[in-house]
Amino acid sequence: MLEIKNLVLAYGVNRVVRDVSFSVAKGEVFALLGPNGAGKTSILRAISGLVPAVSGDIVFEGKTLLRRRPHSIVLDGIAHVPEGRQIFPEMSVSDNLMVGATVHINNRARVRELEARCLELFPIIRERARQAGGTLSGGEQQQLTIARGLMADPRLLIVDEPTLGLAPAIINTVADSFRKLRDLGLTIIVAEQNADFALKVADHGAVLASGELSFSGSVDTLRDRDVLRRAYLGA
C-alpha cells in the first residue's frame, strides 16, 4: 500500500533521514520505532506532504506523494494524527471532532456514519461532547485526536507518539482501538518510542537510529529482545 524508497530528508543542511526504505501492506499496523530524534516524525511529515524529500520516493497505492500538497494527500486517503494532540482548547469536543470531517462536508450521511464509528471506539467523546476540548485529560485528548483523524475516513492513518504521557489504562484503550481498526481493514502506521506498546499492536515494523534504518521486518522477530537491543543501540 505504501512504499518508502531510499528516502532522504533534511532541515537545511542537516540530514535527519538517510536512505531509508520500507513498505507497509494494506490492512496492517506498522510500527516505526526508535528513540527521540531518530527521524520518525520527519518520515510521517514527509508522507503527509509537510516535509519535502531531498531524494528518494514515497509511493501510496502506486502513485508518488512527492511534491503533493497536504490537503490533496488527505483527499487521497491519508490522515495524520500529530504528536502533541493539537486540539482546539476553546472549541467543544464535538466541534473538535468535526474538524476532521471537513473533506466530507457535503456528505452529511457519511459524516454521521464516521461519527458513530468514532463514538463506538471512544465512548468518552460522547460523554464529553459539550465540554471544551481544553478541559479533557491528556488521555481523553489523545482519544479525541485519533477520532478526529478517523473522521477524514482514511485508508491509511498515521499516528505520531500516541502513548506519550498516557497512563497504562489509557494506553490499553488506544491499543484496543488500533486492533479494532485493523480488523475493519484500516492500515495504520504508528511512530513510537514505547516499544512494548508497538509490539502489542503491530504486525511489522522498522527501527530507526540516528536517521538510518537499523531493522525492518516482522514484529515476531522484534520481540526477541536481543534483536531489539541491537536495532536500537547497534550493540
Protein backbone atom coordinates (compact mmCIF):
# COMPACT_ATOMS: atom_id res chain seq x y z
CA MET A 1 0.00 0.00 0.00
CA LEU A 2 2.80 2.41 0.94
CA GLU A 3 6.43 2.26 -0.11
CA ILE A 4 9.27 4.38 1.23
CA LYS A 5 12.13 4.19 -1.26
CA ASN A 6 15.65 5.37 -0.39
CA LEU A 7 14.20 8.39 1.38
CA VAL A 8 16.47 11.28 2.37
CA LEU A 9 15.09 14.18 4.42
CA ALA A 10 16.81 17.31 5.68
CA TYR A 11 16.21 20.53 7.55
CA GLY A 12 18.62 22.96 5.93
CA VAL A 13 21.99 21.23 5.71
CA ASN A 14 21.13 18.78 8.49
CA ARG A 15 20.10 15.41 7.06
CA VAL A 16 17.72 13.79 9.52
CA VAL A 17 16.74 10.71 7.47
CA ARG A 18 19.28 8.93 5.29
CA ASP A 19 18.44 6.34 2.61
CA VAL A 20 15.50 4.74 4.43
CA SER A 21 13.35 2.12 2.68
CA PHE A 22 10.44 0.02 3.92
CA SER A 23 6.96 -0.98 2.80
CA VAL A 24 3.59 -1.16 4.54
CA ALA A 25 0.97 -3.71 3.48
CA LYS A 26 -2.73 -2.96 3.26
CA GLY A 27 -4.65 -3.76 6.43
CA GLU A 28 -1.72 -3.99 8.83
CA VAL A 29 -0.43 -1.97 11.75
CA PHE A 30 3.15 -0.95 11.05
CA ALA A 31 5.33 0.33 13.89
CA LEU A 32 8.04 2.91 13.24
CA LEU A 33 10.26 2.60 16.30
CA GLY A 34 13.25 4.49 17.57
CA PRO A 35 14.47 6.89 20.24
CA ASN A 36 13.72 10.60 20.27
CA GLY A 37 15.41 12.31 17.32
CA ALA A 38 15.68 9.14 15.23
CA GLY A 39 13.68 10.62 12.32
CA LYS A 40 10.27 9.03 12.91
CA THR A 41 8.28 12.26 12.95
CA SER A 42 10.11 13.58 9.89
CA ILE A 43 9.08 10.49 7.89
CA LEU A 44 5.44 10.88 8.92
CA ARG A 45 5.54 14.56 7.98
CA ALA A 46 7.04 13.67 4.62
CA ILE A 47 4.22 11.19 3.95
CA SER A 48 1.73 13.98 4.70
CA GLY A 49 3.48 16.44 2.40
CA LEU A 50 4.72 18.67 5.22
CA VAL A 51 8.44 17.98 4.67
CA PRO A 52 9.91 17.81 1.15
CA ALA A 53 12.21 14.93 0.26
CA VAL A 54 15.80 15.61 -0.72
CA SER A 55 15.76 12.37 -2.70
CA GLY A 56 14.00 9.02 -2.85
CA ASP A 57 10.28 8.46 -3.21
CA ILE A 58 7.08 7.88 -1.22
CA VAL A 59 4.51 5.84 -3.14
CA PHE A 60 0.91 5.38 -1.98
CA GLU A 61 -1.27 2.92 -3.86
CA GLY A 62 1.01 3.16 -6.87
CA LYS A 63 1.26 6.98 -7.02
CA THR A 64 4.07 9.18 -5.75
CA LEU A 65 3.31 11.61 -2.94
CA LEU A 66 6.28 13.83 -3.65
CA ARG A 67 5.51 17.47 -4.44
CA ARG A 68 1.88 16.95 -3.46
CA ARG A 69 0.06 19.47 -1.28
CA PRO A 70 -1.02 18.20 2.15
CA HIS A 71 -4.75 18.74 1.53
CA SER A 72 -4.65 16.66 -1.65
CA ILE A 73 -2.93 13.84 0.24
CA VAL A 74 -5.78 13.87 2.78
CA LEU A 75 -8.29 13.70 -0.08
CA ASP A 76 -6.42 10.69 -1.46
CA GLY A 77 -6.96 8.79 1.80
CA ILE A 78 -4.18 9.56 4.29
CA ALA A 79 -4.87 11.17 7.68
CA HIS A 80 -2.15 12.34 10.06
CA VAL A 81 -2.59 12.36 13.85
CA PRO A 82 0.28 14.57 15.06
CA GLU A 83 2.34 14.33 18.21
CA GLY A 84 1.17 16.63 20.98
CA ARG A 85 -2.58 16.25 20.28
CA GLN A 86 -3.04 19.82 18.96
CA ILE A 87 -6.74 20.09 19.69
CA PHE A 88 -8.56 23.43 19.76
CA PRO A 89 -8.88 24.02 23.53
CA GLU A 90 -11.77 26.51 23.45
CA MET A 91 -13.89 24.55 20.98
CA SER A 92 -16.22 21.82 22.19
CA VAL A 93 -15.20 18.20 21.95
CA SER A 94 -17.89 17.67 19.32
CA ASP A 95 -16.66 20.59 17.21
CA ASN A 96 -13.06 19.38 17.52
CA LEU A 97 -14.19 16.02 16.19
CA MET A 98 -16.00 17.61 13.24
CA VAL A 99 -12.86 19.47 12.16
CA GLY A 100 -11.63 16.14 10.83
CA ALA A 101 -14.72 15.75 8.66
CA THR A 102 -14.24 18.87 6.54
CA VAL A 103 -13.34 16.76 3.50
CA HIS A 104 -16.85 15.27 3.67
CA ILE A 105 -18.69 18.50 4.41
CA ASN A 106 -21.16 17.92 1.56
CA ASN A 107 -21.96 14.35 2.57
CA ARG A 108 -23.84 14.55 5.86
CA ALA A 109 -24.83 10.90 5.84
CA ARG A 110 -21.19 9.82 5.63
CA VAL A 111 -20.22 12.23 8.40
CA ARG A 112 -22.87 10.68 10.66
CA GLU A 113 -21.56 7.20 9.89
CA LEU A 114 -17.99 8.23 10.70
CA GLU A 115 -19.07 9.95 13.89
CA ALA A 116 -20.94 6.84 15.02
CA ARG A 117 -17.83 4.72 14.47
CA CYS A 118 -15.68 7.14 16.47
CA LEU A 119 -18.15 7.27 19.35
CA GLU A 120 -18.24 3.48 19.45
CA LEU A 121 -14.45 3.29 19.57
CA PHE A 122 -14.08 6.12 22.09
CA PRO A 123 -17.22 6.43 24.28
CA ILE A 124 -15.60 9.17 26.33
CA ILE A 125 -16.07 11.53 23.38
CA ARG A 126 -19.85 11.13 23.61
CA GLU A 127 -19.74 11.71 27.37
CA ARG A 128 -17.64 14.87 26.99
CA ALA A 129 -19.22 16.15 23.75
CA ARG A 130 -20.24 19.58 25.08
CA GLN A 131 -17.13 20.25 27.13
CA ALA A 132 -14.34 22.48 25.86
CA GLY A 133 -11.53 20.39 24.41
CA GLY A 134 -9.02 22.00 26.76
CA THR A 135 -10.83 20.62 29.81
CA LEU A 136 -10.15 16.99 28.84
CA SER A 137 -7.39 14.97 30.44
CA GLY A 138 -4.33 14.12 28.36
CA GLY A 139 -5.64 10.63 27.68
CA GLU A 140 -9.05 11.92 26.64
CA GLN A 141 -7.43 14.46 24.32
CA GLN A 142 -5.38 11.69 22.70
CA GLN A 143 -8.52 9.68 22.03
CA LEU A 144 -10.12 12.80 20.54
CA THR A 145 -7.21 13.45 18.19
CA ILE A 146 -7.24 9.87 16.90
CA ALA A 147 -11.00 10.09 16.38
CA ARG A 148 -10.58 13.43 14.59
CA GLY A 149 -8.17 11.76 12.16
CA LEU A 150 -10.67 8.96 11.56
CA MET A 151 -13.34 11.50 10.62
CA ALA A 152 -11.45 12.06 7.36
CA ASP A 153 -12.30 8.41 6.50
CA PRO A 154 -8.70 7.50 5.64
CA ARG A 155 -7.44 4.25 4.16
CA LEU A 156 -4.09 4.96 5.83
CA LEU A 157 -3.90 6.51 9.30
CA ILE A 158 -0.50 7.70 10.52
CA VAL A 159 -0.18 8.38 14.24
CA ASP A 160 2.77 10.05 15.94
CA GLU A 161 3.64 9.04 19.53
CA PRO A 162 0.08 8.16 20.65
CA THR A 163 1.13 6.88 24.10
CA LEU A 164 3.31 9.84 25.10
CA GLY A 165 2.45 10.86 28.67
CA LEU A 166 -0.51 8.48 28.98
CA ALA A 167 -1.45 6.27 31.92
CA PRO A 168 -1.30 2.50 31.35
CA ALA A 169 -5.11 2.14 31.30
CA ILE A 170 -5.44 4.71 28.52
CA ILE A 171 -2.58 3.09 26.58
CA ASN A 172 -4.59 -0.14 26.66
CA THR A 173 -7.63 1.72 25.31
CA VAL A 174 -5.57 3.10 22.44
CA ALA A 175 -4.14 -0.35 21.73
CA ASP A 176 -7.63 -1.85 21.64
CA SER A 177 -8.79 0.84 19.21
CA PHE A 178 -5.88 0.10 16.86
CA ARG A 179 -6.72 -3.60 16.85
CA LYS A 180 -10.39 -2.88 16.11
CA LEU A 181 -9.47 -0.51 13.27
CA ARG A 182 -7.14 -3.11 11.77
CA ASP A 183 -9.97 -5.64 11.93
CA LEU A 184 -12.10 -3.14 9.98
CA GLY A 185 -9.43 -3.07 7.26
CA LEU A 186 -7.70 0.23 8.08
CA THR A 187 -3.94 0.45 7.58
CA ILE A 188 -2.06 2.22 10.39
CA ILE A 189 1.50 3.49 10.75
CA VAL A 190 2.36 4.32 14.34
CA ALA A 191 5.59 6.10 15.28
CA GLU A 192 6.57 5.21 18.83
CA GLN A 193 9.35 5.26 21.39
CA ASN A 194 7.28 2.86 23.52
CA ALA A 195 8.40 -0.48 22.10
CA ASP A 196 6.17 -2.50 24.44
CA PHE A 197 3.05 -0.79 23.07
CA ALA A 198 4.16 -1.14 19.47
CA LEU A 199 4.95 -4.82 19.85
CA LYS A 200 1.45 -5.44 21.21
CA VAL A 201 -0.41 -3.84 18.29
CA ALA A 202 1.83 -4.07 15.21
CA ASP A 203 2.28 -6.76 12.57
CA HIS A 204 5.52 -5.45 11.09
CA GLY A 205 7.88 -2.65 11.94
CA ALA A 206 11.05 -0.73 11.31
CA VAL A 207 13.58 0.65 13.78
CA LEU A 208 15.38 3.93 13.15
CA ALA A 209 18.58 5.06 14.83
CA SER A 210 20.11 8.47 14.07
CA GLY A 211 18.11 8.75 10.86
CA GLU A 212 19.12 5.38 9.46
CA LEU A 213 17.21 2.12 9.22
CA SER A 214 18.59 -0.49 11.59
CA PHE A 215 15.84 -3.11 11.28
CA SER A 216 12.77 -3.84 9.14
CA GLY A 217 10.68 -6.97 9.44
CA SER A 218 8.10 -8.84 11.46
CA VAL A 219 7.18 -7.90 15.00
CA ASP A 220 7.63 -11.56 15.94
CA THR A 221 11.34 -11.10 15.20
CA LEU A 222 11.46 -7.82 17.11
CA ARG A 223 10.04 -9.50 20.19
CA ASP A 224 13.46 -11.07 20.57
CA ARG A 225 14.97 -8.57 22.99
CA ASP A 226 18.47 -9.11 21.63
CA VAL A 227 17.27 -8.16 18.15
CA LEU A 228 15.50 -5.08 19.51
CA ARG A 229 18.53 -4.03 21.56
CA ARG A 230 20.84 -4.35 18.56
CA ALA A 231 18.39 -2.40 16.39
CA TYR A 232 18.18 0.44 18.92
CA LEU A 233 21.75 0.52 20.10
CA GLY A 234 23.73 -1.17 17.36
CA ALA A 235 25.21 -3.46 20.01
